[in-house]
Protein backbone atom coordinates (compact mmCIF):
# COMPACT_ATOMS: atom_id res chain seq x y z
CA MET A 1 61.68 47.64 -62.76
CA LYS A 2 61.16 50.77 -60.91
CA ARG A 3 61.28 48.54 -57.86
CA TRP A 4 64.97 46.98 -58.68
CA VAL A 5 66.23 50.54 -59.12
CA ILE A 6 64.99 51.91 -55.81
CA LEU A 7 65.97 48.75 -54.06
CA GLY A 8 69.67 49.19 -55.71
CA MET A 9 69.93 52.52 -54.62
CA VAL A 10 68.73 52.02 -51.20
CA LEU A 11 71.69 48.95 -50.88
CA VAL A 12 74.17 51.30 -52.45
CA VAL A 13 73.38 54.28 -49.99
CA ALA A 14 73.22 51.67 -46.82
CA GLY A 15 76.70 50.48 -48.37
CA MET A 16 77.92 53.74 -48.25
CA LEU A 17 76.93 54.41 -44.76
CA ILE A 18 78.30 51.43 -43.24
CA LEU A 19 81.64 51.64 -44.94
CA GLY A 20 82.03 55.27 -44.54
CA CYS A 21 81.55 55.20 -40.57
CA GLU A 22 84.67 55.55 -38.67
CA LYS A 23 84.53 53.09 -35.85
CA ALA A 24 84.84 54.85 -32.42
CA MET A 25 87.72 53.80 -30.35
CA GLU A 26 87.17 51.94 -27.33
CA GLY A 27 88.77 51.58 -24.12
CA THR A 28 91.01 54.18 -21.91
CA GLY A 29 93.55 56.08 -23.77
CA VAL A 30 94.77 58.40 -26.40
CA TYR A 31 94.54 58.16 -30.21
CA GLY A 32 95.14 60.59 -33.25
CA THR A 33 96.83 61.54 -36.34
CA VAL A 34 100.19 63.36 -37.03
CA ILE A 35 100.44 65.54 -39.94
CA ASP A 36 103.22 68.11 -41.24
CA LYS A 37 102.24 71.52 -40.21
CA GLU A 38 102.85 73.13 -43.75
CA THR A 39 102.21 70.22 -46.18
CA LYS A 40 99.26 68.58 -44.17
CA LYS A 41 100.48 65.46 -44.92
CA PRO A 42 100.71 62.42 -42.63
CA VAL A 43 103.92 61.90 -40.75
CA GLU A 44 104.98 58.39 -40.29
CA ASP A 45 107.69 56.91 -37.58
CA VAL A 46 106.75 59.66 -35.37
CA THR A 47 107.48 58.75 -31.57
CA ILE A 48 104.61 59.30 -29.03
CA THR A 49 105.43 59.01 -25.51
CA LEU A 50 102.87 59.66 -22.55
CA THR A 51 104.82 59.83 -18.98
CA ALA A 52 103.18 59.78 -15.77
CA LEU A 53 103.99 59.70 -12.07
CA LYS A 54 102.97 56.73 -10.37
CA HIS A 55 102.80 56.36 -6.57
CA VAL A 56 103.95 52.90 -5.86
CA THR A 57 103.85 53.88 -2.16
CA GLU A 58 103.72 57.38 -0.67
CA ALA A 59 107.47 57.23 -0.10
CA SER A 60 108.65 55.95 -3.51
CA PRO A 61 106.93 57.57 -6.49
CA GLN A 62 108.16 56.31 -9.97
CA VAL A 63 108.00 57.81 -13.64
CA TRP A 64 106.13 55.52 -15.90
CA ALA A 65 106.20 55.80 -19.31
CA VAL A 66 104.55 54.25 -22.58
CA THR A 67 105.21 54.83 -26.36
CA ALA A 68 103.76 54.36 -29.74
CA THR A 69 104.82 55.26 -33.38
CA THR A 70 102.63 56.50 -36.19
CA ASP A 71 101.84 54.11 -39.20
CA ASN A 72 102.21 55.13 -42.76
CA SER A 73 98.81 57.34 -42.48
CA GLY A 74 100.25 59.08 -39.36
CA ASN A 75 98.01 57.40 -37.01
CA TYR A 76 98.93 56.24 -33.50
CA SER A 77 96.83 55.05 -30.49
CA LEU A 78 97.84 54.32 -26.98
CA THR A 79 95.02 52.28 -25.33
CA GLU A 80 94.79 50.49 -21.65
CA LEU A 81 95.80 53.29 -19.84
CA ASP A 82 95.14 54.12 -16.39
CA PRO A 83 92.81 57.26 -15.82
CA GLY A 84 94.81 60.23 -14.85
CA ASN A 85 97.27 63.07 -15.72
CA TYR A 86 100.02 62.96 -18.17
CA ALA A 87 102.46 64.30 -20.04
CA ILE A 88 102.84 63.65 -24.02
CA THR A 89 106.00 64.12 -26.05
CA VAL A 90 105.89 63.90 -29.85
CA THR A 91 109.35 63.59 -31.59
CA LYS A 92 110.62 62.71 -35.33
CA PRO A 93 113.85 63.74 -36.64
CA GLY A 94 113.73 66.73 -38.90
CA TYR A 95 110.86 68.33 -36.88
CA PHE A 96 110.56 70.47 -33.73
CA CYS A 97 109.34 68.36 -30.64
CA TYR A 98 106.07 68.94 -29.54
CA SER A 99 105.00 68.68 -25.85
CA LEU A 100 101.92 69.27 -23.77
CA SER A 101 102.43 68.96 -19.98
CA GLU A 102 98.82 68.09 -18.92
CA LEU A 103 96.86 65.66 -20.68
CA VAL A 104 93.79 64.30 -18.73
CA VAL A 105 92.68 60.68 -19.73
CA LYS A 106 89.30 59.54 -18.20
CA GLU A 107 87.81 56.40 -17.38
CA LYS A 108 86.64 54.27 -20.39
CA LYS A 109 87.29 57.43 -22.43
CA MET A 110 89.66 57.46 -25.90
CA LYS A 111 90.68 61.16 -26.29
CA LYS A 112 91.53 62.02 -29.76
CA LEU A 113 94.53 64.24 -30.19
CA ASN A 114 95.63 65.21 -33.76
CA ILE A 115 99.34 66.90 -33.62
CA ARG A 116 100.83 69.19 -36.38
CA LEU A 117 104.57 68.93 -36.26
CA GLU A 118 106.51 71.94 -37.81
CA ALA A 119 109.56 70.83 -39.80
CA SER A 120 113.06 71.95 -38.46
CA PHE A 121 115.59 73.37 -41.07
CA VAL A 122 119.19 72.75 -40.63
CA GLY A 123 121.89 74.35 -42.83
CA GLY A 124 123.13 77.43 -44.16
């Protein structure tokens, strides 16, 4: 009887460890969660835009951009990016815009960037 109790406890702990571990993101890119600065709740339908200056040729640089939208848990991810420097802009109606002018993305690394948006108030 004692063996069954110990075996049961071991299985429960192992299950909790397996289910409770967050899988690390793989690839080259950026991921994170957007929350409301005051309420600390996730914000959905936020647009995250990464922009970079890509040199097609020396004479003709082009601005390149990619976007993502947060899910109902405030999560987003932008994967399969080229390593380099990016600017990030985060927008949602009813909130102040968040921007970061230099975000470094490294080869085969997923950079975690959690963002707190501040609600804007319109009215009188």
